[in-house]
Amino acid sequence: MKVKILTIICVFCAVHYHEATKVSSDCSNCPANSGSFGYELLLGKLEDLEAKFWNMWLEMKEQTENQIRFKDTQKEIKLMLTKLEDRSSEILEQHLSCANHENWKKTVLAMQLGRRSNSSLLDNLKPFKSCAEISSYISGKYTIHPLGFEKPFEAYCEQSVFDGGWTVVQYRFDGSVDFNRNWTDYRNGFGKLDGEFWIGLEKLHRLTKSGDHQLLVETKTFNGTYKFARYDEFVIGTEDEKYALKKVGSYNGSAGDGLKYHINMQFSTKDNDNDRSGSNCAVLYKGAWWYNNCYRSNLNGLYKKGNHQDSMNWDHHTNECEGLAYSRMMIRKTPNNAETCP
């Protein structure tokens, strides 16, 4: 930069010196002091040129410094933006952490106040021993771990009717699930808890074998007539005993006693005939039940409207074998025997 400036000065000096020399030669007839005048003129021009040079140099220097400052400012801004992004990420993480912590506190508080949701995380951390232990009034799917079961399992708990705490073991309401099934299906269970289902004879045996469960049966006709049957005992035998209906206890309700006729009867399916009839009742009446010779109730029969002997029915609901639109079987630990939390 300095070399360029010096070059410019030299050029200017040469030009002005040439002009001054020309003036001097043209003034050969001038007075004697004219040379001095030309020198002073050149000196004045050089001084002006020097002043212009320094002004230019200062301007260029200022521009250069501004460019340097601008670049430094850019670097500082980039650095600040990087730090700001990092800090924003930290703030976001802290915010999410605080939000999660607050949600956790709310969940714990809700548990302490007994307002548990059946989808709550804490409900699944420590399963209830039975539906009777759940203090929520919301019916739905809950994870329970009854005594004698190696692993917890999901069950549908009815929490609103007859004081709640009921484990639903059979549910039919639209005919979407085929109940005319074989022994294996009835032993293991089928369907889905948010639709029609059968919990399974093996679970039913293990849940009731202690002899401290009661049974509630709900029925409804296609014209909307609701009735129920309630028994203060309900015990199912082992698979070796063909899951026999060992006890049903005392009856009360409005539907009539549709199980008394079936006490001590073994369970029958279309491929496992254990009834007292000369024919296979399960095949004849398109269901699976504790058939005697043959039935007074057939809640696993075909889902269809009208009077049909092979339909889903509760024989004492009406005087005829009227097909039902709805049936639900539920069990609950007898209140005096209900398990309590430690």
Protein backbone atom coordinates (compact mmCIF):
# COMPACT_ATOMS: atom_id res chain seq x y z
CA MET A 1 0.00 0.00 0.00
CA LYS A 2 2.80 2.43 0.95
CA VAL A 3 4.68 1.62 -2.28
CA LYS A 4 1.59 2.53 -4.31
CA ILE A 5 1.24 5.80 -2.44
CA LEU A 6 4.93 6.71 -2.98
CA THR A 7 4.58 5.90 -6.67
CA ILE A 8 1.60 8.25 -6.91
CA ILE A 9 3.61 10.99 -5.19
CA CYS A 10 6.54 10.54 -7.58
CA VAL A 11 4.25 10.74 -10.60
CA PHE A 12 2.62 13.89 -9.31
CA CYS A 13 6.03 15.43 -8.54
CA ALA A 14 7.35 14.60 -12.02
CA VAL A 15 4.32 16.10 -13.71
CA HIS A 16 4.39 19.26 -11.70
CA TYR A 17 8.20 19.55 -12.06
CA HIS A 18 7.83 19.30 -15.84
CA GLU A 19 5.19 21.99 -15.84
CA ALA A 20 7.31 24.17 -13.59
CA THR A 21 10.37 23.72 -15.85
CA LYS A 22 8.29 24.60 -18.87
CA VAL A 23 7.10 27.73 -17.18
CA SER A 24 10.67 28.54 -16.25
CA SER A 25 11.92 28.12 -19.85
CA ASP A 26 9.08 30.16 -21.20
CA CYS A 27 10.03 32.97 -18.87
CA SER A 28 13.66 33.38 -20.05
CA ASN A 29 12.95 37.03 -20.58
CA CYS A 30 11.37 37.38 -17.13
CA PRO A 31 13.04 39.22 -14.33
CA ALA A 32 15.83 37.56 -12.40
CA ASN A 33 13.65 36.58 -9.51
CA SER A 34 11.30 34.58 -11.74
CA GLY A 35 13.18 31.30 -10.97
CA SER A 36 12.52 31.82 -7.32
CA PHE A 37 8.89 32.34 -8.11
CA GLY A 38 8.74 29.05 -10.06
CA TYR A 39 10.34 27.22 -7.19
CA GLU A 40 7.82 28.62 -4.75
CA LEU A 41 5.03 27.67 -7.11
CA LEU A 42 6.31 24.09 -7.32
CA LEU A 43 6.75 23.93 -3.58
CA GLY A 44 3.19 25.09 -3.06
CA LYS A 45 1.87 22.44 -5.40
CA LEU A 46 3.93 19.80 -3.63
CA GLU A 47 2.53 20.89 -0.28
CA ASP A 48 -1.01 20.67 -1.68
CA LEU A 49 -0.22 17.28 -3.09
CA GLU A 50 1.19 16.13 0.23
CA ALA A 51 -1.93 17.29 2.00
CA LYS A 52 -4.13 15.43 -0.48
CA PHE A 53 -1.93 12.37 -0.11
CA TRP A 54 -2.27 12.31 3.65
CA ASN A 55 -6.01 12.79 3.38
CA MET A 56 -6.20 9.88 0.96
CA TRP A 57 -3.97 7.78 3.16
CA LEU A 58 -6.06 8.50 6.25
CA GLU A 59 -9.26 7.65 4.36
CA MET A 60 -7.76 4.42 3.06
CA LYS A 61 -6.47 3.57 6.51
CA GLU A 62 -9.90 4.22 8.03
CA GLN A 63 -11.57 2.06 5.37
CA THR A 64 -9.07 -0.73 6.01
CA GLU A 65 -9.66 -0.51 9.75
CA ASN A 66 -13.43 -0.51 9.17
CA GLN A 67 -13.13 -3.64 7.05
CA ILE A 68 -11.08 -5.31 9.75
CA ARG A 69 -13.59 -4.26 12.42
CA PHE A 70 -16.46 -5.49 10.22
CA LYS A 71 -14.84 -8.90 9.83
CA ASP A 72 -14.17 -9.05 13.57
CA THR A 73 -17.80 -8.10 14.22
CA GLN A 74 -18.97 -10.85 11.86
CA LYS A 75 -16.88 -13.38 13.75
CA GLU A 76 -18.28 -12.14 17.08
CA ILE A 77 -21.85 -12.35 15.77
CA LYS A 78 -21.31 -15.91 14.51
CA LEU A 79 -19.83 -16.86 17.85
CA MET A 80 -22.75 -15.27 19.71
CA LEU A 81 -25.26 -17.06 17.45
CA THR A 82 -23.55 -20.38 18.11
CA LYS A 83 -23.64 -19.74 21.85
CA LEU A 84 -27.28 -18.65 21.57
CA GLU A 85 -28.23 -21.85 19.73
CA ASP A 86 -26.44 -23.94 22.34
CA ARG A 87 -28.16 -22.04 25.13
CA SER A 88 -31.54 -22.38 23.39
CA SER A 89 -31.05 -26.15 23.24
CA GLU A 90 -30.19 -26.20 26.94
CA ILE A 91 -33.24 -24.09 27.77
CA LEU A 92 -35.47 -26.37 25.67
CA GLU A 93 -34.10 -29.47 27.41
CA GLN A 94 -34.63 -27.84 30.81
CA HIS A 95 -38.16 -26.86 29.81
CA LEU A 96 -38.99 -30.39 28.69
CA SER A 97 -37.42 -31.79 31.83
CA CYS A 98 -39.46 -29.43 33.99
CA ALA A 99 -42.61 -30.27 32.04
CA ASN A 100 -42.01 -34.00 32.51
CA HIS A 101 -41.29 -33.45 36.18
CA GLU A 102 -44.48 -31.46 36.55
CA ASN A 103 -46.49 -34.16 34.77
CA TRP A 104 -44.92 -36.77 37.04
CA LYS A 105 -45.89 -34.74 40.12
CA LYS A 106 -49.45 -34.41 38.84
CA THR A 107 -49.65 -38.17 38.23
CA VAL A 108 -48.37 -38.93 41.72
CA LEU A 109 -50.80 -36.42 43.23
CA ALA A 110 -53.68 -37.94 41.28
CA MET A 111 -52.72 -41.36 42.60
CA GLN A 112 -52.62 -40.03 46.16
CA LEU A 113 -56.08 -38.51 45.73
CA GLY A 114 -57.44 -41.75 44.28
CA ARG A 115 -58.13 -40.29 40.82
CA ARG A 116 -56.22 -42.95 38.94
CA SER A 117 -56.60 -43.25 35.20
CA ASN A 118 -56.63 -46.77 33.77
CA SER A 119 -53.95 -45.63 31.32
CA SER A 120 -51.75 -44.20 34.09
CA LEU A 121 -48.11 -45.20 34.15
CA LEU A 122 -48.20 -45.86 37.90
CA ASP A 123 -51.11 -48.28 37.46
CA ASN A 124 -48.83 -50.43 35.35
CA LEU A 125 -45.74 -50.10 37.56
CA LYS A 126 -47.38 -52.06 40.38
CA PRO A 127 -50.42 -54.02 39.15
CA PHE A 128 -53.44 -54.40 41.39
CA LYS A 129 -54.21 -57.85 42.74
CA SER A 130 -57.77 -57.61 41.43
CA CYS A 131 -60.28 -55.16 40.00
CA ALA A 132 -61.73 -54.85 43.52
CA GLU A 133 -58.56 -53.01 44.64
CA ILE A 134 -58.93 -50.25 42.05
CA SER A 135 -60.35 -47.09 43.58
CA SER A 136 -61.08 -45.41 40.24
CA TYR A 137 -64.69 -45.20 39.12
CA ILE A 138 -63.64 -45.49 35.47
CA SER A 139 -64.37 -48.82 33.81
CA GLY A 140 -61.80 -50.11 31.35
CA LYS A 141 -58.66 -52.15 30.84
CA TYR A 142 -56.34 -52.53 33.84
CA THR A 143 -53.32 -54.67 34.52
CA ILE A 144 -53.91 -56.99 37.48
CA HIS A 145 -51.71 -59.61 39.14
CA PRO A 146 -53.89 -61.95 41.22
CA LEU A 147 -52.35 -64.30 43.77
CA GLY A 148 -51.25 -67.58 42.19
CA PHE A 149 -50.49 -66.06 38.78
CA GLU A 150 -46.85 -66.01 37.69
CA LYS A 151 -47.34 -62.91 35.55
CA PRO A 152 -49.79 -60.00 35.56
CA PHE A 153 -52.35 -59.79 32.78
CA GLU A 154 -54.73 -57.24 31.35
CA ALA A 155 -58.38 -57.48 32.36
CA TYR A 156 -61.51 -55.44 31.82
CA CYS A 157 -62.73 -54.00 35.13
CA GLU A 158 -66.32 -52.85 35.53
CA GLN A 159 -66.24 -50.05 38.09
CA SER A 160 -69.72 -48.52 37.94
CA VAL A 161 -72.40 -51.22 38.44
CA PHE A 162 -73.14 -52.93 41.77
CA ASP A 163 -70.37 -50.98 43.57
CA GLY A 164 -67.72 -51.81 40.97
CA GLY A 165 -64.63 -53.99 41.32
CA TRP A 166 -65.88 -56.63 38.87
CA THR A 167 -63.62 -58.58 36.50
CA VAL A 168 -65.49 -59.21 33.25
CA VAL A 169 -65.10 -62.83 32.07
CA GLN A 170 -67.61 -62.93 29.22
CA TYR A 171 -69.01 -60.07 27.13
CA ARG A 172 -71.28 -60.12 24.08
CA PHE A 173 -73.15 -57.20 22.57
CA ASP A 174 -72.99 -57.18 18.75
CA GLY A 175 -72.23 -60.69 17.46
CA SER A 176 -68.89 -59.67 15.97
CA VAL A 177 -67.03 -62.61 17.57
CA ASP A 178 -67.81 -66.27 16.86
CA PHE A 179 -68.44 -68.14 20.14
CA ASN A 180 -69.01 -71.55 18.52
CA ARG A 181 -65.41 -72.61 19.17
CA ASN A 182 -63.32 -75.60 20.24
CA TRP A 183 -61.97 -76.65 23.63
CA THR A 184 -58.56 -75.01 23.21
CA ASP A 185 -60.10 -71.61 22.48
CA TYR A 186 -62.39 -71.81 25.50
CA ARG A 187 -59.52 -72.92 27.72
CA ASN A 188 -57.18 -70.12 26.62
CA GLY A 189 -59.71 -67.38 25.92
CA PHE A 190 -60.46 -65.37 22.78
CA GLY A 191 -61.63 -61.98 21.54
CA LYS A 192 -60.42 -58.56 22.64
CA LEU A 193 -61.08 -56.69 25.88
CA ASP A 194 -62.39 -53.63 24.05
CA GLY A 195 -64.88 -55.80 22.14
CA GLU A 196 -66.55 -59.18 22.61
CA PHE A 197 -64.46 -61.78 24.46
CA TRP A 198 -64.20 -64.85 26.68
CA ILE A 199 -61.50 -64.66 29.38
CA GLY A 200 -60.62 -68.37 29.26
CA LEU A 201 -61.52 -71.33 31.50
CA GLU A 202 -58.00 -71.71 32.88
CA LYS A 203 -57.95 -68.12 34.17
CA LEU A 204 -61.50 -68.52 35.42
CA HIS A 205 -60.48 -71.61 37.42
CA ARG A 206 -57.38 -69.97 38.90
CA LEU A 207 -59.29 -66.82 39.81
CA THR A 208 -62.15 -68.65 41.55
CA LYS A 209 -60.50 -71.76 43.04
CA SER A 210 -60.08 -70.10 46.46
CA GLY A 211 -63.87 -70.04 46.80
CA ASP A 212 -64.12 -66.35 47.66
CA HIS A 213 -65.67 -64.99 44.45
CA GLN A 214 -69.21 -64.06 43.55
CA LEU A 215 -70.77 -63.99 40.08
CA LEU A 216 -72.92 -61.37 38.35
CA VAL A 217 -74.71 -62.11 35.06
CA GLU A 218 -76.31 -59.28 33.06
CA THR A 219 -78.67 -59.82 30.13
CA LYS A 220 -80.60 -57.58 27.77
CA THR A 221 -83.13 -58.40 25.04
CA PHE A 222 -83.25 -56.81 21.61
CA ASN A 223 -86.12 -54.60 22.80
CA GLY A 224 -83.94 -53.29 25.65
CA THR A 225 -85.25 -55.24 28.66
CA TYR A 226 -82.44 -55.52 31.23
CA LYS A 227 -82.22 -58.23 33.89
CA PHE A 228 -79.53 -59.68 36.12
CA ALA A 229 -78.67 -62.76 38.17
CA ARG A 230 -76.26 -62.64 41.10
CA TYR A 231 -74.63 -65.53 42.99
CA ASP A 232 -72.67 -65.20 46.23
CA GLU A 233 -70.30 -68.06 45.28
CA PHE A 234 -68.72 -69.15 42.04
CA VAL A 235 -66.04 -71.85 41.70
CA ILE A 236 -64.71 -73.55 38.54
CA GLY A 237 -62.73 -76.82 38.68
CA THR A 238 -59.42 -77.73 37.02
CA GLU A 239 -58.93 -78.84 33.43
CA ASP A 240 -58.66 -82.43 34.67
CA GLU A 241 -62.14 -81.88 36.12
CA LYS A 242 -63.21 -80.48 32.75
CA TYR A 243 -63.60 -77.07 34.39
CA ALA A 244 -66.72 -78.26 36.18
CA LEU A 245 -69.15 -75.73 37.68
CA LYS A 246 -68.45 -76.72 41.30
CA LYS A 247 -70.32 -73.93 43.12
CA VAL A 248 -72.69 -71.08 42.30
CA GLY A 249 -73.99 -70.16 45.78
CA SER A 250 -77.24 -68.40 46.60
CA TYR A 251 -79.10 -66.59 43.82
CA ASN A 252 -80.79 -63.19 43.76
CA GLY A 253 -81.84 -60.94 40.90
CA SER A 254 -84.47 -60.43 38.20
CA ALA A 255 -83.37 -62.77 35.39
CA GLY A 256 -84.11 -66.04 37.19
CA ASP A 257 -81.73 -68.76 38.36
CA GLY A 258 -80.29 -70.02 35.10
CA LEU A 259 -77.34 -71.88 36.67
CA LYS A 260 -78.86 -74.13 39.36
CA TYR A 261 -79.62 -76.78 36.72
CA HIS A 262 -75.93 -76.76 35.70
CA ILE A 263 -74.24 -77.23 39.11
CA ASN A 264 -71.50 -79.90 39.05
CA MET A 265 -71.71 -80.13 35.26
CA GLN A 266 -68.50 -80.27 33.25
CA PHE A 267 -67.82 -77.78 30.49
CA SER A 268 -68.52 -78.98 26.94
CA THR A 269 -67.50 -77.75 23.51
CA LYS A 270 -68.25 -79.09 20.05
CA ASP A 271 -65.01 -81.13 20.13
CA ASN A 272 -65.11 -82.12 23.83
CA ASP A 273 -68.49 -83.56 24.85
CA ASN A 274 -68.92 -83.84 28.64
CA ASP A 275 -72.69 -83.39 29.08
CA ARG A 276 -75.27 -85.92 30.33
CA SER A 277 -77.20 -85.97 27.09
CA GLY A 278 -77.12 -88.81 24.60
CA SER A 279 -76.15 -86.22 21.99
CA ASN A 280 -73.55 -83.47 22.01
CA CYS A 281 -75.35 -80.41 23.40
CA ALA A 282 -72.58 -78.08 22.22
CA VAL A 283 -73.03 -79.26 18.63
CA LEU A 284 -76.82 -79.29 18.89
CA TYR A 285 -77.13 -75.79 20.35
CA LYS A 286 -74.11 -74.19 18.65
CA GLY A 287 -72.32 -73.09 21.79
CA ALA A 288 -70.14 -74.14 24.72
CA TRP A 289 -71.38 -74.36 28.32
CA TRP A 290 -71.78 -76.43 31.47
CA TYR A 291 -74.46 -78.45 29.70
CA ASN A 292 -76.56 -80.92 31.64
CA ASN A 293 -79.30 -82.49 29.53
CA CYS A 294 -79.06 -79.94 27.93
CA TYR A 295 -79.54 -76.42 29.39
CA ARG A 296 -81.45 -73.71 31.21
CA SER A 297 -78.95 -71.11 30.08
CA ASN A 298 -76.78 -70.92 26.96
CA LEU A 299 -74.91 -67.61 26.99
CA ASN A 300 -72.32 -68.80 24.47
CA GLY A 301 -74.90 -69.79 21.85
CA LEU A 302 -75.44 -68.08 18.50
CA TYR A 303 -76.01 -64.32 18.43
CA LYS A 304 -79.36 -63.87 16.70
CA LYS A 305 -82.73 -62.29 17.28
CA GLY A 306 -85.91 -64.30 17.81
CA ASN A 307 -86.86 -67.51 19.57
CA HIS A 308 -84.19 -70.07 18.73
CA GLN A 309 -82.98 -72.90 20.95
CA ASP A 310 -79.43 -72.51 19.64
CA SER A 311 -79.32 -68.76 20.33
CA MET A 312 -77.61 -66.96 23.19
CA ASN A 313 -80.25 -67.08 25.92
CA TRP A 314 -81.00 -67.28 29.61
CA ASP A 315 -83.90 -69.69 29.89
CA HIS A 316 -85.67 -67.89 32.70
CA HIS A 317 -85.41 -64.45 31.08
CA THR A 318 -88.68 -65.14 29.26
CA ASN A 319 -90.94 -68.15 28.91
CA GLU A 320 -89.36 -68.95 25.56
CA CYS A 321 -85.79 -69.26 24.26
CA GLU A 322 -85.58 -65.63 23.24
CA GLY A 323 -82.24 -64.66 21.70
CA LEU A 324 -80.45 -62.00 23.73
CA ALA A 325 -78.79 -58.86 22.38
CA TYR A 326 -76.42 -58.54 25.32
CA SER A 327 -74.82 -60.71 27.97
CA ARG A 328 -72.03 -60.09 30.42
CA MET A 329 -70.57 -62.35 33.11
CA MET A 330 -68.44 -60.80 35.86
CA ILE A 331 -66.73 -62.05 39.01
CA ARG A 332 -65.60 -60.19 42.12
CA LYS A 333 -63.94 -61.16 45.36
CA THR A 334 -66.45 -61.32 48.17
CA PRO A 335 -66.10 -57.97 50.03
CA ASN A 336 -65.19 -59.56 53.38
CA ASN A 337 -62.44 -61.54 51.63
CA ALA A 338 -61.15 -58.74 49.42
CA GLU A 339 -57.39 -58.42 49.51
CA THR A 340 -56.01 -55.25 51.03
CA CYS A 341 -52.86 -53.39 50.16
CA PRO A 342 -49.86 -54.01 52.47
